[in-house]
Every structure is written in C-alpha cells, then in structure tokens.
Amino acid sequence: MVDVRRHFLDLIRQDGVRLAPELAAAFEAVPREVFVPEGFHRRDGGWVAPADPEFLPTVYRNDVLVTKMNGDVPVSSSSQPSLMAIMLEALDVRPGMRVLEIGAGTGYNAALLATLGAEVTSVDVQEDVAARARSALARAGITGVRVAAGDGYRGDPDSRYDRIIVTVGVAGLSPHWFEQLTPDGLVIAPVEHAGHHPVLSARPGGPMTAAVVCSSGFMSATGPLGARHAGSHPPSAGELAELTEAAPARWSPPLKTTGYRDLWFAAGAWHGRVTLATLPGHLVLLDRDRTGGAVVLPDGSILAGGVEAERYTADAVTLIDRWWRLGRPSMRSWRIDLALDGDPAAPIWVPRGFTIERRET
C-alpha cells in the first residue's frame, strides 16, 4: 500500500503540479479508499465496488471518483487529486489555521487539510453526503474536522476562519464568506466562466477583485450559489447542428491543453456567448437558438453551423487574433473585478470586469 501511495504522488506531479513536502506527506498518509467505502462510478458510468480487482488501482489514479448521481448528473465526488493539490497549495494552510470547507464530498479533502494541521469545518447541503463524510473521517481516524449539513451560501455564521475553500462550482462568492474571514483571510473557489470553473482566489476588504489559480471543471451548485446573473454565459451546449469547416487550421502543432484553456478564458472574457460544446467537447460561440454557432478547435480551425454561422465565425476569428496579438496571455495573467449580482434576496460576488495585468510571450 505504501508503494501504491508513492506512485500516486508521482501521478499527481505528472502535469507539473507542485507538492510541498507537507502536502506530499498528507497525500501519502491519508487512505483515499476509506472515503469511498461503497465504491464509485467509472467515467463510463459503470460501478466499481471494493471487491473488484480494479478498485484500489483506480482509487489511486489521478482521477475524479463520482460517488453519487441524480439520474445522469453527478452530484457528489472525490475531486481529481492534482486539482485538489493545486487548490490546497493556493490556500496556503499552516498548522493551527481554521478552515471552512464548502462542499464536504467524501471527506477526503477535509482529511488532507486536517493532516496539514488545520482545524476544519466542512458544510454540505446534502445531509446524506455529510453523514457519509463524517463516517469516513471517523474510520480513517482523522480528528479536527467537524462536518455539518447546511447551506453553503451562509457558511458558518457563528465562527471566524483564516481560510475558506469551495469544492463545488459556483456562479459567484457569498458575501457571508468574507464576513466570516479574518482580515488576512483567503477564499479559494471555482467560479463559473464560459462553461468551466476557473479556480479564483479572493481576499476580504478593499475593491473586490480575484486572481485565477488554475482551470477546472466542477459539479455546479444549486440555490443562490448557482444563480444566473447579468454576466452569465450560456449553459453548456449539447449536440449542435451539423458543423462544417468555416476557417482552416492556424497552428501546427495544435495548442496544448493549457494554451487552449488560456484562449478559452480570454474568449469568455471578451464574448458573452462563449461556453462549452459537450459534443465535440470544445470552445463554442453558441447562437441564440443554442443549436449552432462556431466551434474553435485547438489547432485554430473553426467549425460552424446554424443560421448565424457566418456571424459567429467572424467573431471567433476576431477573438483568436486578439488573443494572439496580445501575446497569448495565460488565464493567470488576468485580474477579475467582482460585483454583487445574482438572486437579489441572496446576492453573490460575480465576475464583472476582466483586465490583463501582464503579458506573456
């Protein structure tokens, strides 16, 4: 088992993820399998049970483990470990800190935080998810974590925290979280943008701004934390109308995943119709009928369809040229201005303005 967990660390590091010694030790010490005692769903929808030969090898892959579905929609999981590592590094947790976690999941992330020396309160809106996380933490012998069923939007009104980490995709940041932070506190949260959830970091006080930590894709929150607002992009699109090539490839080799996501982020900052086309799984400028538009591929070619194909192709070319002309800025180059919007009865801080603070070559 020790060798399996050491290999697990190598898998987490494969994409250049930095693991501080303390965080590496936490990943090596906390038994992930304890947090999925009944099994989990494969990406193909099949179920992996603890008795299956692939159970442990799959647990210790660098992959998400889906533990609860609502029909065909995943509603609880253990996140991809490399993403967890990036978020935990950004959280900058030190022993003795009080951490509020929004979204308990399996309890595994809270266990890592506790192993780093934090005192953790984890809140999940799903009572059964909270109960299972609580049981898993007890089985793993993890202390210093309190799991409560409750409304993540409200956080934990009776306490103050040094750090807040959000493990569900949200449309914006709750004002309650900033009220519950110490003056030098920090929020790390995946916030919806153009069909994905870039992880943002934000601090209380002063003009409300955020910086990008990394790209990600999370399950989306419901209620006030998932409310649509004036800057919301269209929801992800399903199968589009027949697409044909509208512009040839621009780059050889194609953009790597990181570069493509950087282009995607910029396109979303500049155009309100950018979102995710689940088929074929790329950046799309979605038309108003949600049946066509222009899909931008990693090689810069454009596929288009629908009655407004020509218009959206032109918009896509303009976005690509603008990003290239500005030196292909990474998503971490941007400053995001936040404004209160969403449900008037329960507002959230949402992205409202985007500024490139540095250019990269």
Protein backbone atom coordinates (compact mmCIF):
# COMPACT_ATOMS: atom_id res chain seq x y z
CA MET A 1 0.00 0.00 0.00
CA VAL A 2 2.89 2.39 0.73
CA ASP A 3 4.22 1.81 -2.80
CA VAL A 4 0.75 2.46 -4.27
CA ARG A 5 0.53 5.80 -2.49
CA ARG A 6 4.05 6.80 -3.53
CA HIS A 7 3.14 6.05 -7.14
CA PHE A 8 0.02 8.14 -6.51
CA LEU A 9 2.28 11.10 -5.72
CA ASP A 10 4.13 10.61 -8.99
CA LEU A 11 0.82 10.63 -10.89
CA ILE A 12 -0.24 13.87 -9.17
CA ARG A 13 3.07 15.51 -10.12
CA GLN A 14 2.97 14.39 -13.78
CA ASP A 15 1.41 17.61 -15.11
CA GLY A 16 3.89 19.84 -13.31
CA VAL A 17 1.86 20.09 -10.10
CA ARG A 18 3.98 21.24 -7.20
CA LEU A 19 3.70 19.25 -3.98
CA ALA A 20 5.25 20.84 -0.93
CA PRO A 21 6.74 18.22 1.40
CA GLU A 22 3.90 18.66 3.92
CA LEU A 23 1.23 18.20 1.26
CA ALA A 24 3.01 15.19 -0.27
CA ALA A 25 3.13 13.64 3.20
CA ALA A 26 -0.60 14.24 3.63
CA PHE A 27 -1.48 12.57 0.32
CA GLU A 28 0.75 9.64 1.26
CA ALA A 29 -0.72 9.32 4.76
CA VAL A 30 -4.47 9.62 4.12
CA PRO A 31 -6.06 6.40 2.76
CA ARG A 32 -8.29 7.54 -0.11
CA GLU A 33 -10.05 4.16 -0.33
CA VAL A 34 -11.56 4.68 3.14
CA PHE A 35 -13.53 7.62 1.74
CA VAL A 36 -15.25 5.55 -0.97
CA PRO A 37 -16.21 2.50 1.12
CA GLU A 38 -19.18 1.54 -1.07
CA GLY A 39 -17.38 2.13 -4.36
CA PHE A 40 -17.74 4.74 -7.09
CA HIS A 41 -18.73 5.29 -10.72
CA ARG A 42 -16.30 4.88 -13.59
CA ARG A 43 -16.23 7.57 -16.26
CA ASP A 44 -18.22 5.19 -18.48
CA GLY A 45 -20.94 5.04 -15.82
CA GLY A 46 -20.11 1.57 -14.53
CA TRP A 47 -19.78 0.93 -10.82
CA VAL A 48 -16.50 -0.10 -9.15
CA ALA A 49 -17.06 -1.96 -5.91
CA PRO A 50 -14.43 -2.55 -3.18
CA ALA A 51 -14.25 -6.26 -4.07
CA ASP A 52 -13.39 -5.53 -7.72
CA PRO A 53 -9.75 -6.09 -8.75
CA GLU A 54 -9.54 -2.57 -10.23
CA PHE A 55 -10.83 -0.87 -7.06
CA LEU A 56 -7.51 0.11 -5.44
CA PRO A 57 -5.65 0.83 -8.70
CA THR A 58 -8.48 3.16 -9.73
CA VAL A 59 -8.69 4.83 -6.32
CA TYR A 60 -5.02 5.74 -6.64
CA ARG A 61 -5.23 7.15 -10.14
CA ASN A 62 -5.16 10.89 -10.61
CA ASP A 63 -8.86 10.97 -11.41
CA VAL A 64 -12.22 12.04 -10.01
CA LEU A 65 -14.28 9.37 -8.24
CA VAL A 66 -18.02 10.02 -8.61
CA THR A 67 -19.91 8.74 -5.58
CA LYS A 68 -23.48 10.00 -6.07
CA MET A 69 -25.66 10.56 -9.12
CA ASN A 70 -29.01 12.26 -9.62
CA GLY A 71 -30.17 10.45 -12.72
CA ASP A 72 -27.37 11.02 -15.22
CA VAL A 73 -25.95 14.01 -13.34
CA PRO A 74 -23.07 13.59 -10.85
CA VAL A 75 -23.85 15.40 -7.57
CA SER A 76 -21.02 14.29 -5.28
CA SER A 77 -17.48 13.03 -5.78
CA SER A 78 -13.88 12.93 -4.68
CA SER A 79 -12.17 15.51 -6.91
CA GLN A 80 -9.15 14.87 -9.13
CA PRO A 81 -6.16 14.75 -6.74
CA SER A 82 -3.90 17.01 -8.85
CA LEU A 83 -6.61 19.71 -8.79
CA MET A 84 -7.01 19.24 -5.05
CA ALA A 85 -3.25 19.67 -4.67
CA ILE A 86 -3.20 22.93 -6.67
CA MET A 87 -6.09 24.34 -4.65
CA LEU A 88 -4.58 23.30 -1.33
CA GLU A 89 -1.24 24.86 -2.28
CA ALA A 90 -3.04 28.09 -3.19
CA LEU A 91 -4.91 28.00 0.12
CA ASP A 92 -1.57 28.31 1.92
CA VAL A 93 -2.69 26.43 5.01
CA ARG A 94 -0.48 26.40 8.10
CA PRO A 95 -0.88 24.40 11.31
CA GLY A 96 -3.44 25.86 13.66
CA MET A 97 -5.43 27.68 10.99
CA ARG A 98 -9.22 27.45 10.97
CA VAL A 99 -10.55 26.40 7.57
CA LEU A 100 -14.14 26.42 6.33
CA GLU A 101 -14.82 23.98 3.50
CA ILE A 102 -17.94 24.45 1.35
CA GLY A 103 -18.84 21.05 -0.06
CA ALA A 104 -17.83 18.01 2.01
CA GLY A 105 -17.78 15.46 -0.81
CA THR A 106 -16.36 12.22 0.52
CA GLY A 107 -14.46 13.94 3.35
CA TYR A 108 -11.10 13.23 1.73
CA ASN A 109 -10.19 16.88 1.13
CA ALA A 110 -11.04 17.74 4.74
CA ALA A 111 -8.84 14.85 5.86
CA LEU A 112 -5.90 16.27 3.90
CA LEU A 113 -6.49 19.69 5.46
CA ALA A 114 -6.60 18.20 8.95
CA THR A 115 -3.41 16.26 8.25
CA LEU A 116 -1.80 19.59 7.32
CA GLY A 117 -2.68 20.79 10.82
CA ALA A 118 -5.83 22.78 10.11
CA GLU A 119 -8.98 22.83 12.23
CA VAL A 120 -11.71 22.19 9.67
CA THR A 121 -15.44 22.79 9.45
CA SER A 122 -17.00 21.23 6.35
CA VAL A 123 -20.52 22.20 5.24
CA ASP A 124 -22.57 20.26 2.70
CA VAL A 125 -26.15 20.91 1.64
CA GLN A 126 -26.81 17.18 1.18
CA GLU A 127 -27.42 15.53 4.55
CA ASP A 128 -26.57 12.03 3.33
CA VAL A 129 -23.28 13.25 1.85
CA ALA A 130 -22.38 14.99 5.11
CA ALA A 131 -23.19 11.85 7.09
CA ARG A 132 -21.05 9.63 4.87
CA ALA A 133 -18.13 12.07 5.03
CA ARG A 134 -18.41 12.15 8.82
CA SER A 135 -18.34 8.34 8.99
CA ALA A 136 -15.37 8.09 6.62
CA LEU A 137 -13.34 10.59 8.65
CA ALA A 138 -14.03 8.57 11.79
CA ARG A 139 -12.99 5.31 10.09
CA ALA A 140 -9.78 6.94 8.90
CA GLY A 141 -9.01 8.15 12.42
CA ILE A 142 -8.97 11.80 11.33
CA THR A 143 -9.59 14.31 14.09
CA GLY A 144 -10.01 18.06 13.93
CA VAL A 145 -12.85 18.01 11.37
CA ARG A 146 -16.48 18.92 12.00
CA VAL A 147 -18.94 18.06 9.21
CA ALA A 148 -22.30 19.81 9.19
CA ALA A 149 -25.30 19.63 6.88
CA GLY A 150 -26.20 23.17 5.93
CA ASP A 151 -26.44 25.93 3.38
CA GLY A 152 -23.02 26.68 1.92
CA TYR A 153 -24.15 30.16 0.92
CA ARG A 154 -24.48 31.08 4.61
CA GLY A 155 -21.20 29.41 5.54
CA ASP A 156 -20.78 29.20 9.31
CA PRO A 157 -22.17 32.44 10.79
CA ASP A 158 -21.03 31.76 14.33
CA SER A 159 -17.31 31.39 13.60
CA ARG A 160 -14.34 33.15 12.02
CA TYR A 161 -11.90 31.47 9.66
CA ASP A 162 -8.42 32.00 8.30
CA ARG A 163 -9.21 30.24 5.03
CA ILE A 164 -12.28 29.18 3.03
CA ILE A 165 -12.10 26.58 0.28
CA VAL A 166 -15.01 25.76 -2.02
CA THR A 167 -15.17 22.33 -3.65
CA VAL A 168 -18.25 22.83 -5.83
CA GLY A 169 -18.62 25.01 -8.91
CA VAL A 170 -20.32 28.29 -8.02
CA ALA A 171 -21.59 31.26 -10.03
CA GLY A 172 -20.09 33.65 -7.51
CA LEU A 173 -18.78 34.14 -3.98
CA SER A 174 -21.07 34.53 -0.99
CA PRO A 175 -20.72 37.83 0.92
CA HIS A 176 -21.15 35.78 4.10
CA TRP A 177 -17.82 34.07 3.48
CA PHE A 178 -15.94 37.36 3.55
CA GLU A 179 -17.74 38.37 6.75
CA GLN A 180 -16.52 35.13 8.33
CA LEU A 181 -12.87 35.60 7.31
CA THR A 182 -10.10 37.11 9.40
CA PRO A 183 -8.68 40.36 7.90
CA ASP A 184 -5.82 38.49 6.20
CA GLY A 185 -8.02 35.56 5.18
CA LEU A 186 -8.38 33.99 1.74
CA VAL A 187 -11.11 32.33 -0.32
CA ILE A 188 -10.27 29.72 -2.96
CA ALA A 189 -13.27 28.82 -5.13
CA PRO A 190 -14.12 27.52 -8.63
CA VAL A 191 -16.31 30.19 -10.25
CA GLU A 192 -18.25 29.65 -13.49
CA HIS A 193 -16.82 31.25 -16.62
CA ALA A 194 -17.68 30.31 -20.20
CA GLY A 195 -18.66 26.71 -19.44
CA HIS A 196 -15.85 25.93 -16.99
CA HIS A 197 -14.99 26.80 -13.39
CA PRO A 198 -11.63 28.58 -13.17
CA VAL A 199 -10.42 28.48 -9.59
CA LEU A 200 -10.23 32.01 -8.19
CA SER A 201 -8.52 33.45 -5.13
CA ALA A 202 -10.01 36.48 -3.37
CA ARG A 203 -9.44 38.34 -0.10
CA PRO A 204 -11.74 40.47 2.06
CA GLY A 205 -11.58 44.25 2.19
CA GLY A 206 -10.85 46.90 -0.43
CA PRO A 207 -12.06 46.67 -4.02
CA MET A 208 -13.41 43.18 -4.61
CA THR A 209 -11.11 41.51 -7.08
CA ALA A 210 -9.90 37.98 -7.77
CA ALA A 211 -6.99 36.24 -9.44
CA VAL A 212 -7.01 32.93 -11.33
CA VAL A 213 -5.28 29.95 -9.74
CA CYS A 214 -5.95 27.32 -12.42
CA SER A 215 -8.59 25.92 -14.73
CA SER A 216 -11.06 23.32 -13.53
CA GLY A 217 -14.43 21.72 -14.11
CA PHE A 218 -16.67 21.08 -11.09
CA MET A 219 -20.22 19.98 -10.43
CA SER A 220 -22.37 23.10 -10.24
CA ALA A 221 -24.02 24.36 -7.06
CA THR A 222 -27.74 24.97 -6.80
CA GLY A 223 -29.56 27.77 -5.00
CA PRO A 224 -28.04 31.24 -4.55
CA LEU A 225 -24.51 29.98 -5.25
CA GLY A 226 -25.62 28.79 -8.68
CA ALA A 227 -27.82 31.75 -9.59
CA ARG A 228 -27.56 33.23 -13.05
CA HIS A 229 -26.58 36.89 -13.32
CA ALA A 230 -26.01 39.66 -15.84
CA GLY A 231 -22.60 38.28 -16.83
CA SER A 232 -23.57 34.61 -17.04
CA HIS A 233 -22.52 32.73 -20.16
CA PRO A 234 -24.94 30.29 -21.79
CA PRO A 235 -25.11 26.88 -20.14
CA SER A 236 -23.04 24.17 -21.80
CA ALA A 237 -24.47 23.08 -25.13
CA GLY A 238 -25.33 19.54 -26.08
CA GLU A 239 -25.17 18.20 -29.62
CA LEU A 240 -25.07 21.02 -32.17
CA ALA A 241 -26.44 21.24 -35.68
CA GLU A 242 -24.28 19.87 -38.48
CA LEU A 243 -20.95 21.69 -38.43
CA THR A 244 -18.70 22.32 -41.41
CA GLU A 245 -15.24 23.83 -41.66
CA ALA A 246 -15.51 27.61 -41.74
CA ALA A 247 -11.84 28.54 -41.23
CA PRO A 248 -8.66 26.46 -41.67
CA ALA A 249 -6.14 25.44 -39.02
CA ARG A 250 -3.92 28.25 -37.80
CA TRP A 251 -1.33 26.41 -35.69
CA SER A 252 0.83 23.36 -36.09
CA PRO A 253 1.16 21.69 -33.70
CA PRO A 254 -2.20 22.48 -32.10
CA LEU A 255 -2.35 24.31 -28.79
CA LYS A 256 -1.68 22.09 -25.82
CA THR A 257 -4.40 21.75 -23.20
CA THR A 258 -3.09 24.63 -21.07
CA GLY A 259 -2.83 27.03 -24.04
CA TYR A 260 -6.26 26.07 -25.32
CA ARG A 261 -7.79 26.78 -21.91
CA ASP A 262 -5.98 30.14 -21.83
CA LEU A 263 -7.56 31.02 -25.19
CA TRP A 264 -10.92 29.81 -23.89
CA PHE A 265 -10.68 32.01 -20.79
CA ALA A 266 -9.82 35.08 -22.86
CA ALA A 267 -12.62 34.40 -25.33
CA GLY A 268 -15.06 34.18 -22.44
CA ALA A 269 -13.79 37.47 -21.03
CA TRP A 270 -14.44 39.19 -24.36
CA HIS A 271 -17.60 37.49 -25.64
CA GLY A 272 -20.78 36.66 -23.74
CA ARG A 273 -21.79 33.68 -25.91
CA VAL A 274 -18.71 31.55 -25.23
CA THR A 275 -19.39 28.25 -23.50
CA LEU A 276 -18.66 24.51 -23.64
CA ALA A 277 -19.89 22.35 -26.51
CA THR A 278 -20.07 18.93 -24.86
CA LEU A 279 -20.18 17.38 -28.33
CA PRO A 280 -17.49 17.71 -29.67
CA GLY A 281 -16.18 18.98 -26.29
CA HIS A 282 -14.65 22.31 -27.29
CA LEU A 283 -14.99 26.07 -27.02
CA VAL A 284 -18.11 27.29 -28.80
CA LEU A 285 -19.65 30.67 -29.52
CA LEU A 286 -23.22 29.49 -29.15
CA ASP A 287 -26.01 31.06 -31.17
CA ARG A 288 -29.26 32.25 -29.63
CA ASP A 289 -31.12 29.11 -30.69
CA ARG A 290 -28.47 27.00 -28.87
CA THR A 291 -28.25 24.75 -31.92
CA GLY A 292 -25.30 26.24 -33.80
CA GLY A 293 -22.58 28.84 -33.81
CA ALA A 294 -18.80 28.50 -34.16
CA VAL A 295 -16.58 25.88 -32.52
CA VAL A 296 -12.88 26.72 -32.12
CA LEU A 297 -10.56 23.70 -32.19
CA PRO A 298 -7.08 23.52 -30.60
CA ASP A 299 -5.40 23.96 -33.99
CA GLY A 300 -7.26 27.24 -34.51
CA SER A 301 -9.61 25.88 -37.15
CA ILE A 302 -13.28 26.78 -36.85
CA LEU A 303 -16.33 24.62 -37.43
CA ALA A 304 -19.64 26.41 -37.81
CA GLY A 305 -23.31 25.68 -38.33
CA GLY A 306 -26.77 27.13 -37.94
CA VAL A 307 -28.36 30.26 -39.39
CA GLU A 308 -25.81 32.59 -37.78
CA ALA A 309 -22.72 30.54 -38.67
CA GLU A 310 -21.08 33.33 -40.66
CA ARG A 311 -21.51 35.91 -37.89
CA TYR A 312 -20.12 33.69 -35.16
CA THR A 313 -17.23 32.53 -37.34
CA ALA A 314 -16.20 36.17 -37.78
CA ASP A 315 -16.46 36.74 -34.03
CA ALA A 316 -14.33 33.64 -33.36
CA VAL A 317 -11.61 34.80 -35.77
CA THR A 318 -11.56 38.21 -34.06
CA LEU A 319 -11.17 36.59 -30.62
CA ILE A 320 -8.36 34.32 -31.76
CA ASP A 321 -6.49 37.19 -33.41
CA ARG A 322 -6.89 39.40 -30.36
CA TRP A 323 -5.53 36.73 -28.01
CA TRP A 324 -2.57 36.02 -30.28
CA ARG A 325 -1.80 39.71 -30.79
CA LEU A 326 -1.74 40.26 -27.01
CA GLY A 327 0.94 37.59 -26.58
CA ARG A 328 -1.33 34.62 -25.76
CA PRO A 329 -1.98 35.70 -22.14
CA SER A 330 -2.49 32.86 -19.71
CA MET A 331 -5.55 32.86 -17.51
CA ARG A 332 -3.27 33.67 -14.58
CA SER A 333 -2.47 36.98 -16.28
CA TRP A 334 -5.93 38.35 -15.60
CA ARG A 335 -7.40 40.42 -12.78
CA ILE A 336 -11.12 39.92 -12.29
CA ASP A 337 -13.29 42.68 -10.85
CA LEU A 338 -16.24 41.40 -8.83
CA ALA A 339 -19.71 42.91 -8.39
CA LEU A 340 -22.77 41.89 -6.39
CA ASP A 341 -25.43 40.24 -8.55
CA GLY A 342 -27.45 37.04 -8.74
CA ASP A 343 -30.54 36.48 -6.59
CA PRO A 344 -31.47 39.89 -5.11
CA ALA A 345 -32.52 38.16 -1.89
CA ALA A 346 -29.19 36.33 -1.65
CA PRO A 347 -26.59 38.17 -3.78
CA ILE A 348 -23.17 36.83 -4.73
CA TRP A 349 -19.91 38.44 -5.86
CA VAL A 350 -19.63 37.60 -9.57
CA PRO A 351 -17.07 38.35 -12.31
CA ARG A 352 -17.92 41.65 -13.92
CA GLY A 353 -14.70 43.03 -15.43
CA PHE A 354 -11.54 41.43 -16.83
CA THR A 355 -8.14 43.11 -17.11
CA ILE A 356 -4.84 41.67 -18.32
CA GLU A 357 -2.26 42.68 -15.73
CA ARG A 358 0.78 41.25 -17.51
CA ARG A 359 1.58 39.98 -20.95
CA GLU A 360 3.45 36.77 -21.66
CA THR A 361 5.45 35.72 -24.67
